[in-house]
Amino acid sequence: MLLHLPASKQPLRLGMIPEEAAARHPDVPLTLDHDMDAAPEAGRELTVAALADLVDDMAARLWAAGVRAGEHLALYKAHNFDIYVLACAASRIGAVPVLLSPALDGATVNALLDRLERPHLMTDEGKLADELSGLDLEKAAATVVVPRGDRPGTVSLESLAGSPRRAPVLLDGSHPALMTHTSGTTGIPKLVVHTALSLRGRYRPQEYLVSLIRRRETYAVHVSFVHSRMYMALAVMLERGMPVVVIDRGSPEEVAPLLARTRPGIVETHPNSYVEWAELVDHPLKPLASVKFFSGTFDAIHPPTIHKLLSGSRRSNPLFFQFYGQSECGPLVARWYTKKNAHKANGRCLGYPLPGMTHVRVVPREGRRPTKKTPGFIEVLSDGRAVNYFAEDERYRKELNGKWWRTGDVGYRDRLGRVHVLDRAVDVIPTVDSTLEVEDTVLGRLEELVELVLVPGPAQEPLPVVCTRDNTPLDPVRWRRAVVDFPQLADPIQMPLDDLPRTATMKVQRIELARRLRERLEQAG
């Protein structure tokens, strides 16, 4: 029987979040580890009231630059917290912020601008001199806005300081409110369309979980500024009056003194950053000692990493919350780990659907009942689901099965109802039950590994790609002992962690990695 979720009736308006939070918690601090390109004078120590005023100010400047309600503002600039500020500012005047990763190349950005049919473009001098240098921006964009400077053909936000403040423009909750992009597997990225109502839908489960935290905790976040997760996270934390620490530079040596100074009780970052931050456990400043809650959202994190991170906390009974979700849907399934169970946990078991907010079912592939050996397609029902792919209706509808959304992952549900995610459907290797499970197991046996990715080789054989701490050569004897349960694996290929191709949220691009390895092996052979 189809389960119907209660619709989220109160729109979540990004442009109003800072102002509404400031009305309740004006003096709560917001700390940055960098200066904002669009407002360096704001400094790195703000309050929620100062953030709200800055969003209002930038909204006035964008209006003066010609941005209007219902129009698109594509943000493609250096990674910086001002992306969040400018997106909220655009939303405040009724425009639709379109968040484009700074990692996208110029040709891809040009194709997306073309799809958007001449949006306003917010960029910077660095992008104009590099990725955008060969493009006809007069044709691609209605207006080119930059933080500062007097480059011909651009409008400088700095020159518009003091523009008259504008009353907020509140569009209907079903109107597009935000666009993010997902890398997909090939071709030009999809532009995911969120409305104020769908954003409220993905806000609800996060608000519920944070409401269980009884004391005020400082929240430190190192998350992509072009991912919807940043906007939902700050919506919840600002509303709850939690002090926020925003981290752009995520290397362990830079993060350690910042965390030691701000002493957060909640930490969230990407899985690959958690892998790097595991070394902070042994840091003399003990930067993780104050952390009560770790949160992981973007991808599954290997249990050995979770166990290591929890060991760095000096709080009683610290927890690691693991969420399974998608850009299109937000969080869907959750579980938590403790110091007692993390080291022996099954990393493929991602927990239960969020009660009253998400539903999950697993449908057979090729008519076979979904089990570990014959995983099925995972489909979900959530009122936080995005409403479309912009200008690609058919591509969006292909992922729908009635009201259910096919995530693209395969797995099964066990007798307790827990959801097990084994692989992306496009990453399945015929001779392996679950590439992710193999990775979890071997990483748990070899502490010198910081990453292991299993991809199909030239003959579809499971090819391990390994990254070690400090790029130390892999010990072949230890490797053979660690993979004795997996005789089907090919000999490993070692490479530096930084050489792995990644998405904007730092997920390994497995298909691209496999393609590069095939090219390398063909050239070598």
Protein backbone atom coordinates (compact mmCIF):
# COMPACT_ATOMS: atom_id res chain seq x y z
CA MET A 1 0.00 0.00 0.00
CA LEU A 2 1.31 3.43 -0.89
CA LEU A 3 2.25 5.49 2.14
CA HIS A 4 1.37 9.16 2.07
CA LEU A 5 3.56 11.63 3.90
CA PRO A 6 2.18 14.74 5.57
CA ALA A 7 2.93 17.66 3.30
CA SER A 8 5.15 20.43 4.63
CA LYS A 9 2.83 23.42 4.54
CA GLN A 10 5.15 26.14 5.83
CA PRO A 11 7.68 27.22 3.17
CA LEU A 12 11.32 27.48 4.17
CA ARG A 13 12.49 30.74 2.66
CA LEU A 14 16.28 30.92 2.53
CA GLY A 15 16.32 34.69 2.32
CA MET A 16 14.41 35.04 5.58
CA ILE A 17 16.32 32.53 7.71
CA PRO A 18 19.05 34.91 8.98
CA GLU A 19 16.53 37.66 9.81
CA GLU A 20 14.19 35.28 11.61
CA ALA A 21 17.08 33.77 13.55
CA ALA A 22 18.41 37.23 14.45
CA ALA A 23 15.04 38.18 15.92
CA ARG A 24 15.47 35.36 18.46
CA HIS A 25 19.23 35.00 18.85
CA PRO A 26 20.87 38.25 17.68
CA ASP A 27 24.10 37.92 19.67
CA VAL A 28 24.90 34.26 18.94
CA PRO A 29 28.38 34.12 17.34
CA LEU A 30 29.24 33.00 13.83
CA THR A 31 32.96 32.36 13.30
CA LEU A 32 34.67 32.04 9.90
CA ASP A 33 38.17 30.79 9.13
CA HIS A 34 38.44 33.11 6.12
CA ASP A 35 37.44 36.54 4.85
CA MET A 36 34.43 36.87 2.58
CA ASP A 37 35.29 38.02 -0.95
CA ALA A 38 32.14 40.14 -1.19
CA ALA A 39 32.46 41.65 2.29
CA PRO A 40 36.01 41.43 3.70
CA GLU A 41 35.20 44.31 6.02
CA ALA A 42 32.73 42.07 7.87
CA GLY A 43 35.64 40.14 9.34
CA ARG A 44 35.68 36.62 10.68
CA GLU A 45 33.80 37.10 13.96
CA LEU A 46 30.15 37.89 13.26
CA THR A 47 26.86 37.59 15.11
CA VAL A 48 23.59 36.28 13.74
CA ALA A 49 22.34 39.88 13.68
CA ALA A 50 25.37 40.94 11.63
CA LEU A 51 24.77 38.05 9.23
CA ALA A 52 21.13 39.07 8.77
CA ASP A 53 22.14 42.67 8.09
CA LEU A 54 24.77 41.54 5.58
CA VAL A 55 22.22 39.41 3.70
CA ASP A 56 19.83 42.38 3.60
CA ASP A 57 22.63 44.64 2.36
CA MET A 58 23.69 42.22 -0.39
CA ALA A 59 20.05 41.77 -1.44
CA ALA A 60 19.83 45.54 -1.95
CA ARG A 61 23.03 45.51 -4.02
CA LEU A 62 21.85 42.61 -6.18
CA TRP A 63 18.59 44.45 -6.83
CA ALA A 64 20.56 47.54 -7.80
CA ALA A 65 22.61 45.35 -10.16
CA GLY A 66 19.41 44.39 -11.97
CA VAL A 67 18.50 41.06 -10.40
CA ARG A 68 14.72 40.68 -10.08
CA ALA A 69 12.17 38.31 -8.56
CA GLY A 70 11.71 35.07 -10.49
CA GLU A 71 15.03 35.45 -12.33
CA HIS A 72 18.01 33.13 -12.01
CA LEU A 73 21.29 34.13 -10.39
CA ALA A 74 24.02 31.60 -11.19
CA LEU A 75 26.77 31.65 -8.53
CA TYR A 76 30.09 30.43 -9.91
CA LYS A 77 33.01 31.78 -7.95
CA ALA A 78 35.84 30.81 -5.63
CA HIS A 79 34.73 28.65 -2.72
CA ASN A 80 33.86 31.10 0.03
CA PHE A 81 31.14 31.65 2.64
CA ASP A 82 29.93 34.65 0.67
CA ILE A 83 28.28 32.11 -1.68
CA TYR A 84 25.87 31.33 1.16
CA VAL A 85 25.32 35.03 1.89
CA LEU A 86 24.69 35.90 -1.76
CA ALA A 87 22.37 32.93 -2.28
CA CYS A 88 20.28 34.03 0.69
CA ALA A 89 20.38 37.61 -0.59
CA ALA A 90 19.11 36.54 -4.01
CA SER A 91 16.34 34.53 -2.34
CA ARG A 92 15.39 37.56 -0.25
CA ILE A 93 14.50 39.54 -3.37
CA GLY A 94 12.66 36.59 -4.94
CA ALA A 95 15.40 35.50 -7.34
CA VAL A 96 16.42 31.85 -7.68
CA PRO A 97 20.04 31.15 -6.69
CA VAL A 98 21.69 28.49 -8.89
CA LEU A 99 24.74 27.06 -7.14
CA LEU A 100 27.53 25.93 -9.46
CA SER A 101 30.60 24.20 -8.09
CA PRO A 102 33.87 26.15 -8.41
CA ALA A 103 35.36 22.86 -9.67
CA LEU A 104 33.28 22.89 -12.87
CA ASP A 105 35.16 23.73 -16.05
CA GLY A 106 34.27 26.64 -18.29
CA ALA A 107 32.63 24.56 -21.02
CA THR A 108 30.31 22.92 -18.51
CA VAL A 109 29.41 26.27 -16.94
CA ASN A 110 28.69 27.68 -20.39
CA ALA A 111 26.35 24.77 -21.13
CA LEU A 112 24.52 25.32 -17.85
CA LEU A 113 24.21 29.05 -18.47
CA ASP A 114 22.76 28.22 -21.88
CA ARG A 115 20.26 25.84 -20.25
CA LEU A 116 19.24 28.64 -17.88
CA GLU A 117 18.70 31.00 -20.85
CA ARG A 118 20.89 33.96 -19.94
CA PRO A 119 20.71 34.16 -16.16
CA HIS A 120 22.50 36.76 -14.11
CA LEU A 121 25.99 35.48 -13.27
CA MET A 122 27.77 36.08 -9.98
CA THR A 123 31.46 35.30 -10.43
CA ASP A 124 34.88 36.76 -9.62
CA GLU A 125 38.07 37.98 -11.22
CA GLY A 126 39.79 34.62 -10.88
CA LYS A 127 37.07 32.77 -12.79
CA LEU A 128 36.85 35.48 -15.45
CA ALA A 129 40.59 35.27 -16.05
CA ASP A 130 40.66 31.48 -16.11
CA GLU A 131 37.70 29.14 -16.66
CA LEU A 132 35.42 31.80 -18.21
CA SER A 133 38.07 33.56 -20.25
CA GLY A 134 37.11 32.00 -23.57
CA LEU A 135 33.36 32.39 -23.24
CA ASP A 136 31.07 34.99 -24.73
CA LEU A 137 29.53 36.11 -21.46
CA GLU A 138 27.60 38.92 -23.10
CA LYS A 139 25.67 36.20 -24.90
CA ALA A 140 25.57 33.70 -22.00
CA ALA A 141 24.53 36.00 -19.14
CA ALA A 142 22.13 38.90 -18.72
CA THR A 143 24.46 40.55 -16.18
CA VAL A 144 27.90 39.64 -14.86
CA VAL A 145 28.29 40.62 -11.21
CA VAL A 146 31.61 40.51 -9.33
CA PRO A 147 32.46 41.26 -5.68
CA ARG A 148 34.69 44.23 -6.48
CA GLY A 149 36.79 45.87 -9.18
CA ASP A 150 36.03 47.79 -12.36
CA ARG A 151 36.42 45.15 -15.07
CA PRO A 152 34.58 46.22 -18.26
CA GLY A 153 31.32 44.37 -18.81
CA THR A 154 30.80 43.62 -15.12
CA VAL A 155 28.88 45.17 -12.23
CA SER A 156 30.75 45.46 -8.95
CA LEU A 157 28.92 44.81 -5.68
CA GLU A 158 31.46 47.07 -3.98
CA SER A 159 30.33 49.98 -6.16
CA LEU A 160 26.73 49.42 -5.08
CA ALA A 161 27.36 49.81 -1.34
CA GLY A 162 24.64 51.88 0.31
CA SER A 163 21.92 50.82 -2.14
CA PRO A 164 18.43 51.29 -0.68
CA ARG A 165 17.25 48.29 1.31
CA ARG A 166 14.34 46.34 -0.17
CA ALA A 167 11.33 44.70 1.40
CA PRO A 168 11.54 40.91 1.09
CA VAL A 169 9.80 39.30 -1.88
CA LEU A 170 7.92 36.18 -0.73
CA LEU A 171 7.11 33.92 -3.66
CA ASP A 172 4.64 31.05 -3.52
CA GLY A 173 6.04 28.03 -1.70
CA SER A 174 5.79 25.85 -4.81
CA HIS A 175 7.89 28.27 -6.88
CA PRO A 176 11.53 27.28 -7.53
CA ALA A 177 13.60 28.59 -4.62
CA LEU A 178 17.06 27.06 -5.09
CA MET A 179 18.94 25.06 -7.69
CA THR A 180 21.91 22.85 -7.01
CA HIS A 181 23.62 20.48 -9.37
CA THR A 182 24.46 16.82 -9.20
CA SER A 183 27.45 15.50 -11.08
CA GLY A 184 25.69 12.45 -12.50
CA THR A 185 27.78 9.83 -14.26
CA THR A 186 28.37 11.34 -17.67
CA GLY A 187 27.67 14.53 -19.58
CA ILE A 188 26.47 17.90 -18.32
CA PRO A 189 25.29 17.98 -14.68
CA LYS A 190 21.61 18.02 -13.82
CA LEU A 191 20.22 21.17 -12.21
CA VAL A 192 18.11 20.02 -9.25
CA VAL A 193 15.12 22.29 -8.57
CA HIS A 194 14.11 22.79 -4.93
CA THR A 195 11.08 24.78 -3.81
CA ALA A 196 10.53 26.46 -0.45
CA LEU A 197 8.11 23.65 0.40
CA SER A 198 10.50 20.85 -0.58
CA LEU A 199 13.25 22.56 1.41
CA ARG A 200 10.96 22.56 4.44
CA GLY A 201 10.45 18.84 3.87
CA ARG A 202 14.16 18.11 4.14
CA TYR A 203 14.50 20.57 7.03
CA ARG A 204 11.99 18.70 9.20
CA PRO A 205 14.00 15.55 10.00
CA GLN A 206 17.10 17.59 10.75
CA GLU A 207 15.16 19.95 12.98
CA TYR A 208 13.75 16.98 14.87
CA LEU A 209 17.16 15.43 15.52
CA VAL A 210 18.72 18.71 16.64
CA SER A 211 15.75 19.28 18.98
CA LEU A 212 16.92 16.21 20.91
CA ILE A 213 20.12 18.07 21.84
CA ARG A 214 19.20 19.58 25.19
CA ARG A 215 22.05 22.04 25.69
CA ARG A 216 23.46 24.71 23.41
CA GLU A 217 26.43 23.32 21.51
CA THR A 218 28.79 25.02 19.09
CA TYR A 219 28.42 23.59 15.60
CA ALA A 220 31.50 23.38 13.38
CA VAL A 221 30.83 22.68 9.71
CA HIS A 222 33.15 22.02 6.78
CA VAL A 223 30.74 21.45 3.90
CA SER A 224 30.57 22.63 0.29
CA PHE A 225 28.97 26.07 0.03
CA VAL A 226 27.25 24.99 -3.21
CA HIS A 227 25.49 21.98 -1.66
CA SER A 228 21.97 22.16 -0.26
CA ARG A 229 23.26 20.54 2.96
CA MET A 230 24.98 23.79 3.99
CA TYR A 231 21.71 25.70 3.67
CA MET A 232 19.67 23.15 5.64
CA ALA A 233 22.34 22.85 8.33
CA LEU A 234 22.52 26.60 8.94
CA ALA A 235 18.74 26.91 8.81
CA VAL A 236 18.47 24.48 11.70
CA MET A 237 21.43 25.71 13.74
CA LEU A 238 20.68 29.42 13.41
CA GLU A 239 17.04 28.84 14.33
CA ARG A 240 18.10 26.87 17.42
CA GLY A 241 20.57 29.55 18.52
CA MET A 242 23.64 27.32 18.18
CA PRO A 243 26.98 29.12 17.75
CA VAL A 244 28.42 28.25 14.32
CA VAL A 245 31.99 27.80 13.11
CA VAL A 246 32.28 27.77 9.30
CA ILE A 247 35.39 26.04 7.96
CA ASP A 248 36.67 26.51 4.42
CA ARG A 249 40.26 25.32 4.81
CA GLY A 250 39.89 21.75 5.97
CA SER A 251 43.44 20.44 6.25
CA PRO A 252 44.12 18.87 9.67
CA GLU A 253 46.94 21.29 10.46
CA GLU A 254 44.62 24.29 9.91
CA VAL A 255 41.55 22.75 11.52
CA ALA A 256 43.26 21.63 14.74
CA PRO A 257 43.90 25.10 16.26
CA LEU A 258 40.47 26.37 15.15
CA LEU A 259 38.61 23.48 16.79
CA ALA A 260 40.83 23.70 19.87
CA ARG A 261 39.91 27.39 20.21
CA THR A 262 36.17 27.14 19.50
CA ARG A 263 35.59 23.75 21.19
CA PRO A 264 32.56 22.59 19.18
CA GLY A 265 30.10 20.05 20.55
CA ILE A 266 28.84 19.15 17.04
CA VAL A 267 31.02 18.58 13.98
CA GLU A 268 30.01 17.87 10.38
CA THR A 269 32.09 17.42 7.26
CA HIS A 270 32.55 15.29 4.15
CA PRO A 271 33.63 11.65 4.45
CA ASN A 272 37.09 12.28 2.96
CA SER A 273 37.66 15.10 5.45
CA TYR A 274 36.73 12.78 8.29
CA VAL A 275 39.36 10.37 6.97
CA GLU A 276 41.95 13.15 7.18
CA TRP A 277 40.65 14.46 10.52
CA ALA A 278 41.08 11.04 12.13
CA GLU A 279 44.70 12.03 12.74
CA LEU A 280 43.45 14.84 15.00
CA VAL A 281 42.75 12.20 17.63
CA ASP A 282 46.47 12.13 18.38
CA HIS A 283 47.03 15.88 18.05
CA PRO A 284 48.49 17.54 21.18
CA LEU A 285 45.75 20.22 21.14
CA LYS A 286 43.06 17.50 21.41
CA PRO A 287 40.76 19.37 18.99
CA LEU A 288 38.07 16.66 19.03
CA ALA A 289 37.89 16.37 22.81
CA SER A 290 34.80 18.61 23.09
CA VAL A 291 32.76 16.87 20.38
CA LYS A 292 29.60 15.16 21.57
CA PHE A 293 28.03 14.60 18.14
CA PHE A 294 29.66 13.86 14.79
CA SER A 295 27.41 14.03 11.73
CA GLY A 296 27.95 12.45 8.32
CA THR A 297 25.54 12.99 5.45
CA PHE A 298 27.09 12.86 2.00
CA ASP A 299 28.28 9.28 1.70
CA ALA A 300 28.81 6.23 3.85
CA ILE A 301 31.83 6.51 6.13
CA HIS A 302 33.89 3.43 6.87
CA PRO A 303 33.34 2.15 10.45
CA PRO A 304 37.09 2.14 11.31
CA THR A 305 37.17 5.90 10.65
CA ILE A 306 34.07 6.43 12.81
CA HIS A 307 35.62 4.40 15.65
CA LYS A 308 38.82 6.42 15.48
CA LEU A 309 36.98 9.77 15.54
CA LEU A 310 34.82 8.78 18.51
CA SER A 311 37.94 7.81 20.43
CA GLY A 312 39.10 11.43 20.18
CA SER A 313 36.13 12.76 22.17
CA ARG A 314 36.40 13.25 25.93
CA ARG A 315 32.64 13.76 26.29
CA SER A 316 30.54 11.04 27.88
CA ASN A 317 28.92 8.71 25.33
CA PRO A 318 29.72 10.63 22.12
CA LEU A 319 27.67 9.67 19.06
CA PHE A 320 28.30 9.56 15.35
CA PHE A 321 25.11 10.14 13.34
CA GLN A 322 25.18 8.62 9.86
CA PHE A 323 22.56 9.78 7.37
CA TYR A 324 21.81 8.25 4.00
CA GLY A 325 20.35 10.71 1.53
CA GLN A 326 20.52 12.29 -1.89
CA SER A 327 20.77 15.76 -3.37
CA GLU A 328 17.30 15.22 -4.79
CA CYS A 329 15.69 14.12 -1.52
CA GLY A 330 17.71 15.16 1.49
CA PRO A 331 18.17 12.77 4.44
CA LEU A 332 16.25 9.50 4.17
CA VAL A 333 17.69 6.91 6.55
CA ALA A 334 19.69 7.30 9.76
CA ARG A 335 21.57 5.38 12.43
CA TRP A 336 24.09 6.24 15.10
CA TYR A 337 27.33 4.72 16.31
CA THR A 338 28.95 4.69 19.74
CA LYS A 339 32.44 3.93 20.96
CA LYS A 340 31.19 0.46 21.86
CA ASN A 341 29.71 -0.56 18.52
CA ALA A 342 31.51 1.43 15.81
CA HIS A 343 34.51 -0.89 15.43
CA LYS A 344 32.33 -3.96 14.81
CA ALA A 345 29.48 -2.27 12.91
CA ASN A 346 28.31 -3.32 9.47
CA GLY A 347 28.97 -0.19 7.41
CA ARG A 348 26.42 -1.26 4.80
CA CYS A 349 23.58 -1.13 7.34
CA LEU A 350 22.52 2.52 7.23
CA GLY A 351 19.62 2.25 9.65
CA TYR A 352 15.93 3.02 9.54
CA PRO A 353 13.80 5.48 7.56
CA LEU A 354 12.98 8.64 9.51
CA PRO A 355 9.59 8.05 11.21
CA GLY A 356 6.74 9.97 9.68
CA MET A 357 9.05 11.76 7.26
CA THR A 358 10.55 9.24 4.83
CA HIS A 359 9.61 5.79 3.56
CA VAL A 360 11.87 3.30 1.82
CA ARG A 361 11.12 0.21 -0.23
CA VAL A 362 13.34 -2.14 -2.20
CA VAL A 363 11.98 -3.49 -5.48
CA PRO A 364 13.33 -6.57 -7.24
CA ARG A 365 15.82 -6.49 -10.06
CA GLU A 366 15.03 -9.07 -12.75
CA GLY A 367 12.21 -10.46 -10.62
CA ARG A 368 14.45 -11.72 -7.80
CA ARG A 369 13.56 -11.06 -4.16
CA PRO A 370 15.95 -8.43 -2.77
CA THR A 371 18.64 -9.98 -0.56
CA LYS A 372 22.34 -9.43 0.00
CA LYS A 373 23.10 -11.77 -2.91
CA THR A 374 20.39 -10.33 -5.16
CA PRO A 375 20.01 -6.67 -4.14
CA GLY A 376 17.07 -4.68 -5.42
CA PHE A 377 16.53 -1.06 -6.42
CA ILE A 378 16.08 1.30 -3.47
CA GLU A 379 13.11 3.64 -3.84
CA VAL A 380 12.02 6.36 -1.44
CA LEU A 381 9.09 8.59 -0.61
CA SER A 382 9.85 11.98 0.93
CA ASP A 383 8.21 15.39 0.95
CA GLY A 384 11.73 16.82 0.79
CA ARG A 385 12.17 15.57 -2.75
CA ALA A 386 13.16 18.14 -5.36
CA VAL A 387 10.45 18.86 -7.90
CA ASN A 388 12.36 18.60 -11.17
CA TYR A 389 15.59 18.77 -13.12
CA PHE A 390 15.56 22.20 -14.73
CA ALA A 391 14.73 21.98 -18.45
CA GLU A 392 15.03 18.18 -18.27
CA ASP A 393 11.54 16.99 -17.33
CA GLU A 394 11.90 13.64 -19.06
CA ARG A 395 15.20 12.89 -17.32
CA TYR A 396 13.51 13.57 -13.97
CA ARG A 397 10.42 11.47 -14.74
CA LYS A 398 12.61 8.48 -15.64
CA GLU A 399 13.59 8.23 -11.97
CA LEU A 400 9.97 8.15 -10.78
CA ASN A 401 7.97 4.99 -10.18
CA GLY A 402 4.58 6.44 -9.42
CA LYS A 403 5.17 8.56 -6.31
CA TRP A 404 8.34 6.66 -5.47
CA TRP A 405 11.79 7.98 -6.35
CA ARG A 406 14.44 5.54 -7.51
CA THR A 407 17.69 6.53 -5.82
CA GLY A 408 20.04 4.69 -8.17
CA ASP A 409 21.36 2.55 -5.30
CA VAL A 410 20.88 -1.18 -4.80
CA GLY A 411 20.45 -2.98 -1.51
CA TYR A 412 17.93 -4.77 0.68
CA ARG A 413 16.08 -4.51 4.00
CA ASP A 414 16.80 -7.04 6.72
CA ARG A 415 14.25 -8.75 8.97
CA LEU A 416 14.41 -5.79 11.38
CA GLY A 417 13.54 -3.35 8.60
CA ARG A 418 16.98 -1.77 8.44
CA VAL A 419 18.14 -0.49 5.06
CA HIS A 420 21.36 -1.96 3.66
CA VAL A 421 22.92 -0.05 0.75
CA LEU A 422 25.41 -2.22 -1.13
CA ASP A 423 26.34 -0.17 -4.19
CA ARG A 424 25.31 2.40 -6.73
CA ALA A 425 23.56 0.48 -9.50
CA VAL A 426 26.08 1.81 -12.04
CA ASP A 427 28.99 0.65 -9.85
CA VAL A 428 27.94 -2.99 -9.43
CA ILE A 429 30.73 -5.47 -10.24
CA PRO A 430 29.30 -8.93 -11.10
CA THR A 431 31.77 -10.96 -9.00
CA VAL A 432 31.38 -8.82 -5.84
CA ASP A 433 28.33 -8.78 -3.55
CA SER A 434 29.13 -5.23 -2.46
CA THR A 435 32.17 -3.14 -3.37
CA LEU A 436 31.46 -0.91 -0.37
CA GLU A 437 31.42 -3.85 2.03
CA VAL A 438 34.77 -5.10 0.71
CA GLU A 439 36.19 -1.61 1.19
CA ASP A 440 34.87 -1.41 4.76
CA THR A 441 36.34 -4.80 5.64
CA VAL A 442 39.80 -4.25 4.19
CA LEU A 443 40.09 -0.72 5.59
CA GLY A 444 39.31 -2.16 8.99
CA ARG A 445 42.22 -4.60 8.62
CA LEU A 446 44.86 -2.22 7.29
CA GLU A 447 45.32 0.89 9.41
CA GLU A 448 47.90 2.26 6.95
CA LEU A 449 45.13 2.77 4.35
CA VAL A 450 43.29 6.09 4.22
CA GLU A 451 41.16 5.13 1.22
CA LEU A 452 40.25 2.05 -0.81
CA VAL A 453 38.05 2.20 -3.89
CA LEU A 454 36.97 -0.84 -5.86
CA VAL A 455 36.29 -0.20 -9.57
CA PRO A 456 35.84 -2.49 -12.58
CA GLY A 457 39.06 -3.16 -14.49
CA PRO A 458 39.39 -3.64 -18.28
CA ALA A 459 37.88 -7.14 -18.06
CA GLN A 460 35.30 -6.12 -15.40
CA GLU A 461 37.52 -7.60 -12.71
CA PRO A 462 37.32 -5.89 -9.28
CA LEU A 463 40.33 -3.58 -9.26
CA PRO A 464 41.36 -2.12 -5.88
CA VAL A 465 42.75 1.43 -5.81
CA VAL A 466 44.53 2.12 -2.53
CA CYS A 467 45.79 5.29 -0.85
CA THR A 468 48.11 5.07 2.16
CA ARG A 469 49.05 7.51 4.90
CA ASP A 470 51.87 9.74 3.68
CA ASN A 471 51.91 7.68 0.43
CA THR A 472 53.95 4.95 2.14
CA PRO A 473 54.42 1.98 -0.23
CA LEU A 474 51.83 -0.73 0.38
CA ASP A 475 53.21 -3.89 2.02
CA PRO A 476 52.22 -6.71 -0.38
CA VAL A 477 52.31 -9.35 2.35
CA ARG A 478 49.95 -7.43 4.61
CA TRP A 479 47.69 -6.73 1.63
CA ARG A 480 47.41 -10.42 0.72
CA ARG A 481 46.53 -11.31 4.30
CA ALA A 482 43.88 -8.58 4.44
CA VAL A 483 42.12 -9.70 1.23
CA VAL A 484 42.32 -13.45 1.79
CA ASP A 485 38.49 -13.55 1.91
CA PHE A 486 38.27 -11.86 -1.50
CA PRO A 487 40.29 -13.95 -3.98
CA GLN A 488 38.51 -12.36 -6.93
CA LEU A 489 40.29 -9.02 -6.41
CA ALA A 490 42.95 -7.98 -8.91
CA ASP A 491 46.32 -6.71 -7.73
CA PRO A 492 45.97 -3.25 -6.16
CA ILE A 493 46.98 0.01 -7.78
CA GLN A 494 48.35 2.63 -5.40
CA MET A 495 47.93 6.37 -5.91
CA PRO A 496 47.97 9.54 -3.78
CA LEU A 497 44.68 10.45 -2.12
CA ASP A 498 44.65 13.85 -3.85
CA ASP A 499 44.73 12.17 -7.28
CA LEU A 500 41.31 10.57 -6.86
CA PRO A 501 38.68 12.40 -8.99
CA ARG A 502 35.94 13.80 -6.76
CA THR A 503 32.63 15.61 -6.88
CA ALA A 504 31.90 18.99 -5.26
CA THR A 505 31.06 17.11 -2.03
CA MET A 506 34.29 15.13 -2.32
CA LYS A 507 32.76 11.78 -3.24
CA VAL A 508 35.07 9.66 -5.36
CA GLN A 509 33.93 9.66 -8.99
CA ARG A 510 34.21 5.92 -9.52
CA ILE A 511 33.31 5.88 -13.20
CA GLU A 512 35.85 8.58 -13.99
CA LEU A 513 38.48 6.79 -11.88
CA ALA A 514 37.84 3.53 -13.75
CA ARG A 515 38.14 5.33 -17.08
CA ARG A 516 41.49 6.88 -16.13
CA LEU A 517 42.84 3.54 -14.94
CA ARG A 518 41.78 1.81 -18.16
CA GLU A 519 43.60 4.47 -20.16
CA ARG A 520 46.70 4.06 -18.00
CA LEU A 521 46.66 0.27 -18.31
CA GLU A 522 46.12 0.42 -22.08
CA GLN A 523 49.05 2.80 -22.50
CA ALA A 524 51.26 0.62 -20.29
CA GLY A 525 50.28 -2.54 -22.17
